[in-house]
Amino acid sequence: MNRISNKFKFSILIIIILFLATACVPGDGSYSVNNPAGLLSGIWHGWIAPISLVVSIFNKSISIYEVINTGFWYDFGFYIAIISGFGGISFSRNKRKRRNENYK
């Protein structure tokens, strides 16, 4: 019974995190020409890019990238988040895999 309870709690936690992450997706109308998205927004949008991609399939007004942004600094934050979020994982896996092969 306790095992089912832990899986249920974990599932609820994941659903809550997904809902919170989709609350700040690019293209939701929260930015304007007077208040463009900046560096921190770029970092956030880079981290939630996979979620934004799925949401954009069902809602055409949502996009992966905020069009109304500050330019270089938004782009810099977006790409840093993409690289660190996805590239960092693959680098650590390759390093761990090589280390395990050396011990065999």
N, C-alpha and C. Protein backbone atom coordinates (compact mmCIF):
# COMPACT_ATOMS: atom_id res chain seq x y z
N MET A 1 0.82 -1.20 0.00
CA MET A 1 0.00 0.00 0.00
C MET A 1 0.86 1.26 0.00
N ASN A 2 1.93 1.24 0.78
CA ASN A 2 2.81 2.41 0.88
C ASN A 2 3.49 2.70 -0.46
N ARG A 3 3.82 1.63 -1.20
CA ARG A 3 4.47 1.80 -2.51
C ARG A 3 3.54 2.50 -3.49
N ILE A 4 2.29 2.13 -3.51
CA ILE A 4 1.31 2.78 -4.38
C ILE A 4 1.13 4.24 -3.97
N SER A 5 1.12 4.47 -2.71
CA SER A 5 0.96 5.82 -2.20
C SER A 5 2.11 6.72 -2.64
N ASN A 6 3.34 6.21 -2.59
CA ASN A 6 4.50 6.99 -3.02
C ASN A 6 4.46 7.28 -4.52
N LYS A 7 4.06 6.31 -5.33
CA LYS A 7 3.93 6.53 -6.77
C LYS A 7 2.86 7.58 -7.07
N PHE A 8 1.76 7.50 -6.33
CA PHE A 8 0.68 8.47 -6.53
C PHE A 8 1.14 9.87 -6.16
N LYS A 9 1.85 10.01 -5.04
CA LYS A 9 2.37 11.31 -4.62
C LYS A 9 3.35 11.87 -5.65
N PHE A 10 4.21 11.01 -6.16
CA PHE A 10 5.17 11.43 -7.16
C PHE A 10 4.47 11.89 -8.45
N SER A 11 3.45 11.17 -8.86
CA SER A 11 2.69 11.54 -10.06
C SER A 11 2.00 12.90 -9.89
N ILE A 12 1.42 13.11 -8.74
CA ILE A 12 0.77 14.39 -8.46
C ILE A 12 1.80 15.52 -8.47
N LEU A 13 2.97 15.28 -7.89
CA LEU A 13 4.04 16.28 -7.88
C LEU A 13 4.48 16.63 -9.30
N ILE A 14 4.64 15.66 -10.16
CA ILE A 14 5.03 15.89 -11.55
C ILE A 14 3.96 16.71 -12.27
N ILE A 15 2.70 16.39 -12.06
CA ILE A 15 1.61 17.13 -12.71
C ILE A 15 1.59 18.58 -12.24
N ILE A 16 1.80 18.82 -10.96
CA ILE A 16 1.84 20.19 -10.43
C ILE A 16 3.01 20.96 -11.04
N ILE A 17 4.17 20.33 -11.13
CA ILE A 17 5.35 20.99 -11.72
C ILE A 17 5.10 21.33 -13.18
N LEU A 18 4.46 20.43 -13.92
CA LEU A 18 4.16 20.71 -15.33
C LEU A 18 3.18 21.87 -15.48
N PHE A 19 2.18 21.92 -14.63
CA PHE A 19 1.23 23.04 -14.68
C PHE A 19 1.92 24.36 -14.35
N LEU A 20 2.78 24.36 -13.36
CA LEU A 20 3.51 25.58 -13.00
C LEU A 20 4.46 26.01 -14.12
N ALA A 21 5.09 25.05 -14.76
CA ALA A 21 6.01 25.37 -15.85
C ALA A 21 5.28 25.95 -17.05
N THR A 22 4.08 25.47 -17.33
CA THR A 22 3.34 25.98 -18.48
C THR A 22 2.71 27.34 -18.21
N ALA A 23 2.73 27.79 -16.98
CA ALA A 23 2.17 29.10 -16.66
C ALA A 23 3.01 30.24 -17.23
N CYS A 24 4.24 29.97 -17.56
CA CYS A 24 5.16 31.02 -18.03
C CYS A 24 5.72 30.71 -19.41
N VAL A 25 4.96 30.10 -20.28
CA VAL A 25 5.45 29.75 -21.61
C VAL A 25 5.57 31.00 -22.49
N PRO A 26 6.48 30.97 -23.45
CA PRO A 26 6.61 32.12 -24.37
C PRO A 26 5.38 32.28 -25.25
N GLY A 27 5.07 33.50 -25.59
CA GLY A 27 3.95 33.79 -26.46
C GLY A 27 2.62 33.85 -25.75
N ASP A 28 2.64 33.91 -24.43
CA ASP A 28 1.38 33.93 -23.69
C ASP A 28 0.79 35.33 -23.54
N GLY A 29 1.45 36.34 -24.09
CA GLY A 29 0.94 37.71 -24.05
C GLY A 29 1.38 38.51 -22.85
N SER A 30 2.29 37.98 -22.05
CA SER A 30 2.72 38.70 -20.86
C SER A 30 3.82 39.73 -21.15
N TYR A 31 4.38 39.72 -22.36
CA TYR A 31 5.42 40.68 -22.73
C TYR A 31 4.89 41.63 -23.79
N SER A 32 5.39 42.88 -23.75
CA SER A 32 4.97 43.88 -24.73
C SER A 32 6.22 44.61 -25.20
N VAL A 33 6.04 45.53 -26.15
CA VAL A 33 7.17 46.30 -26.66
C VAL A 33 7.79 47.14 -25.53
N ASN A 34 6.97 47.62 -24.63
CA ASN A 34 7.47 48.39 -23.49
C ASN A 34 8.08 47.53 -22.40
N ASN A 35 7.73 46.26 -22.35
CA ASN A 35 8.23 45.32 -21.34
C ASN A 35 8.64 44.02 -22.03
N PRO A 36 9.79 44.02 -22.75
CA PRO A 36 10.20 42.81 -23.47
C PRO A 36 10.84 41.77 -22.54
N ALA A 37 10.90 40.55 -23.01
CA ALA A 37 11.53 39.47 -22.26
C ALA A 37 13.04 39.68 -22.25
N GLY A 38 13.67 39.45 -21.10
CA GLY A 38 15.11 39.67 -20.95
C GLY A 38 15.88 38.38 -20.71
N LEU A 39 17.04 38.52 -20.09
CA LEU A 39 17.95 37.40 -19.86
C LEU A 39 17.31 36.30 -19.03
N LEU A 40 16.72 36.64 -17.91
CA LEU A 40 16.12 35.61 -17.04
C LEU A 40 14.95 34.91 -17.71
N SER A 41 14.19 35.66 -18.48
CA SER A 41 13.09 35.03 -19.23
C SER A 41 13.65 34.09 -20.28
N GLY A 42 14.74 34.47 -20.91
CA GLY A 42 15.39 33.60 -21.89
C GLY A 42 15.86 32.30 -21.27
N ILE A 43 16.45 32.39 -20.08
CA ILE A 43 16.90 31.19 -19.38
C ILE A 43 15.70 30.29 -19.06
N TRP A 44 14.65 30.89 -18.52
CA TRP A 44 13.45 30.12 -18.18
C TRP A 44 12.83 29.47 -19.41
N HIS A 45 12.71 30.23 -20.50
CA HIS A 45 12.10 29.69 -21.71
C HIS A 45 12.96 28.59 -22.33
N GLY A 46 14.28 28.67 -22.15
CA GLY A 46 15.15 27.60 -22.62
C GLY A 46 14.95 26.32 -21.81
N TRP A 47 14.79 26.47 -20.50
CA TRP A 47 14.59 25.29 -19.65
C TRP A 47 13.27 24.61 -19.94
N ILE A 48 12.23 25.38 -20.23
CA ILE A 48 10.91 24.76 -20.44
C ILE A 48 10.59 24.58 -21.93
N ALA A 49 11.60 24.66 -22.79
CA ALA A 49 11.38 24.51 -24.23
C ALA A 49 10.67 23.21 -24.60
N PRO A 50 11.03 22.05 -24.03
CA PRO A 50 10.29 20.83 -24.39
C PRO A 50 8.82 20.90 -24.02
N ILE A 51 8.52 21.50 -22.88
CA ILE A 51 7.12 21.64 -22.45
C ILE A 51 6.40 22.61 -23.39
N SER A 52 7.08 23.70 -23.75
CA SER A 52 6.48 24.68 -24.66
C SER A 52 6.20 24.06 -26.03
N LEU A 53 7.06 23.16 -26.46
CA LEU A 53 6.85 22.49 -27.74
C LEU A 53 5.57 21.67 -27.72
N VAL A 54 5.35 20.92 -26.66
CA VAL A 54 4.14 20.10 -26.55
C VAL A 54 2.90 20.98 -26.44
N VAL A 55 2.97 22.03 -25.64
CA VAL A 55 1.82 22.93 -25.48
C VAL A 55 1.51 23.63 -26.80
N SER A 56 2.55 24.00 -27.56
CA SER A 56 2.32 24.71 -28.83
C SER A 56 1.61 23.85 -29.87
N ILE A 57 1.65 22.55 -29.72
CA ILE A 57 0.93 21.66 -30.64
C ILE A 57 -0.58 21.85 -30.47
N PHE A 58 -1.01 22.06 -29.23
CA PHE A 58 -2.44 22.17 -28.93
C PHE A 58 -2.95 23.61 -28.90
N ASN A 59 -2.05 24.57 -28.68
CA ASN A 59 -2.45 25.97 -28.60
C ASN A 59 -1.56 26.79 -29.53
N LYS A 60 -2.12 27.26 -30.63
CA LYS A 60 -1.34 27.95 -31.66
C LYS A 60 -0.79 29.30 -31.21
N SER A 61 -1.30 29.89 -30.15
CA SER A 61 -0.80 31.18 -29.69
C SER A 61 0.47 31.04 -28.84
N ILE A 62 0.78 29.84 -28.40
CA ILE A 62 1.99 29.58 -27.61
C ILE A 62 3.12 29.20 -28.56
N SER A 63 4.31 29.71 -28.27
CA SER A 63 5.48 29.36 -29.09
C SER A 63 6.62 28.90 -28.19
N ILE A 64 7.69 28.43 -28.80
CA ILE A 64 8.85 27.98 -28.04
C ILE A 64 9.73 29.15 -27.68
N TYR A 65 9.72 30.18 -28.50
CA TYR A 65 10.63 31.31 -28.38
C TYR A 65 9.80 32.60 -28.29
N GLU A 66 10.11 33.46 -27.33
CA GLU A 66 9.38 34.73 -27.19
C GLU A 66 9.88 35.71 -28.25
N VAL A 67 8.98 36.14 -29.11
CA VAL A 67 9.34 37.05 -30.19
C VAL A 67 9.62 38.46 -29.67
N ILE A 68 8.89 38.89 -28.66
CA ILE A 68 9.09 40.22 -28.09
C ILE A 68 10.14 40.11 -26.99
N ASN A 69 11.42 40.32 -27.37
CA ASN A 69 12.50 40.16 -26.40
C ASN A 69 13.52 41.28 -26.56
N THR A 70 14.53 41.27 -25.68
CA THR A 70 15.54 42.34 -25.68
C THR A 70 16.66 42.09 -26.68
N GLY A 71 16.61 41.02 -27.40
CA GLY A 71 17.65 40.75 -28.41
C GLY A 71 18.72 39.83 -27.89
N PHE A 72 19.96 40.31 -27.89
CA PHE A 72 21.11 39.47 -27.55
C PHE A 72 20.97 38.80 -26.19
N TRP A 73 20.57 39.53 -25.17
CA TRP A 73 20.55 38.97 -23.82
C TRP A 73 19.49 37.88 -23.68
N TYR A 74 18.36 38.05 -24.33
CA TYR A 74 17.34 36.99 -24.30
C TYR A 74 17.88 35.76 -25.02
N ASP A 75 18.45 35.98 -26.21
CA ASP A 75 19.02 34.87 -26.98
C ASP A 75 20.11 34.15 -26.19
N PHE A 76 20.97 34.92 -25.54
CA PHE A 76 22.06 34.36 -24.74
C PHE A 76 21.50 33.47 -23.63
N GLY A 77 20.53 33.95 -22.89
CA GLY A 77 19.93 33.16 -21.82
C GLY A 77 19.23 31.92 -22.35
N PHE A 78 18.53 32.06 -23.47
CA PHE A 78 17.81 30.94 -24.06
C PHE A 78 18.78 29.83 -24.48
N TYR A 79 19.82 30.20 -25.19
CA TYR A 79 20.77 29.19 -25.68
C TYR A 79 21.60 28.59 -24.55
N ILE A 80 21.95 29.37 -23.55
CA ILE A 80 22.68 28.83 -22.40
C ILE A 80 21.82 27.78 -21.69
N ALA A 81 20.55 28.06 -21.53
CA ALA A 81 19.65 27.10 -20.87
C ALA A 81 19.48 25.84 -21.70
N ILE A 82 19.34 25.99 -23.00
CA ILE A 82 19.21 24.82 -23.88
C ILE A 82 20.46 23.96 -23.79
N ILE A 83 21.62 24.58 -23.90
CA ILE A 83 22.88 23.83 -23.88
C ILE A 83 23.11 23.18 -22.53
N SER A 84 22.90 23.91 -21.45
CA SER A 84 23.15 23.33 -20.13
C SER A 84 22.11 22.29 -19.76
N GLY A 85 20.89 22.48 -20.21
CA GLY A 85 19.83 21.53 -19.87
C GLY A 85 19.94 20.22 -20.61
N PHE A 86 20.27 20.27 -21.88
CA PHE A 86 20.32 19.06 -22.68
C PHE A 86 21.74 18.56 -22.89
N GLY A 87 22.65 19.45 -23.22
CA GLY A 87 24.04 19.06 -23.45
C GLY A 87 24.73 18.60 -22.19
N GLY A 88 24.44 19.23 -21.07
CA GLY A 88 25.07 18.85 -19.81
C GLY A 88 24.74 17.43 -19.40
N ILE A 89 23.52 17.01 -19.68
CA ILE A 89 23.11 15.65 -19.34
C ILE A 89 23.88 14.64 -20.17
N SER A 90 24.01 14.90 -21.47
CA SER A 90 24.70 13.94 -22.33
C SER A 90 26.19 13.89 -22.00
N PHE A 91 26.79 15.03 -21.63
CA PHE A 91 28.20 15.02 -21.27
C PHE A 91 28.44 14.19 -20.02
N SER A 92 27.56 14.30 -19.03
CA SER A 92 27.74 13.52 -17.80
C SER A 92 27.52 12.04 -18.06
N ARG A 93 26.59 11.70 -18.93
CA ARG A 93 26.36 10.28 -19.26
C ARG A 93 27.57 9.69 -19.96
N ASN A 94 28.13 10.43 -20.93
CA ASN A 94 29.29 9.93 -21.65
C ASN A 94 30.48 9.76 -20.71
N LYS A 95 30.66 10.67 -19.80
CA LYS A 95 31.77 10.59 -18.86
C LYS A 95 31.60 9.37 -17.95
N ARG A 96 30.40 9.16 -17.44
CA ARG A 96 30.13 8.01 -16.58
C ARG A 96 30.29 6.71 -17.35
N LYS A 97 29.85 6.68 -18.61
CA LYS A 97 29.95 5.48 -19.42
C LYS A 97 31.41 5.13 -19.67
N ARG A 98 32.24 6.14 -19.99
CA ARG A 98 33.67 5.90 -20.21
C ARG A 98 34.35 5.40 -18.94
N ARG A 99 33.98 5.97 -17.81
CA ARG A 99 34.57 5.56 -16.54
C ARG A 99 34.24 4.10 -16.23
N ASN A 100 33.00 3.69 -16.49
CA ASN A 100 32.60 2.30 -16.24
C ASN A 100 33.31 1.34 -17.18
N GLU A 101 33.54 1.75 -18.44
CA GLU A 101 34.24 0.88 -19.39
C GLU A 101 35.69 0.68 -19.01
N ASN A 102 36.30 1.69 -18.39
CA ASN A 102 37.70 1.59 -17.99
C ASN A 102 37.88 0.60 -16.84
N TYR A 103 36.87 0.42 -16.01
CA TYR A 103 36.98 -0.50 -14.87
C TYR A 103 36.73 -1.95 -15.25
N LYS A 104 36.22 -2.19 -16.41
CA LYS A 104 35.89 -3.58 -16.81
C LYS A 104 37.12 -4.34 -17.21
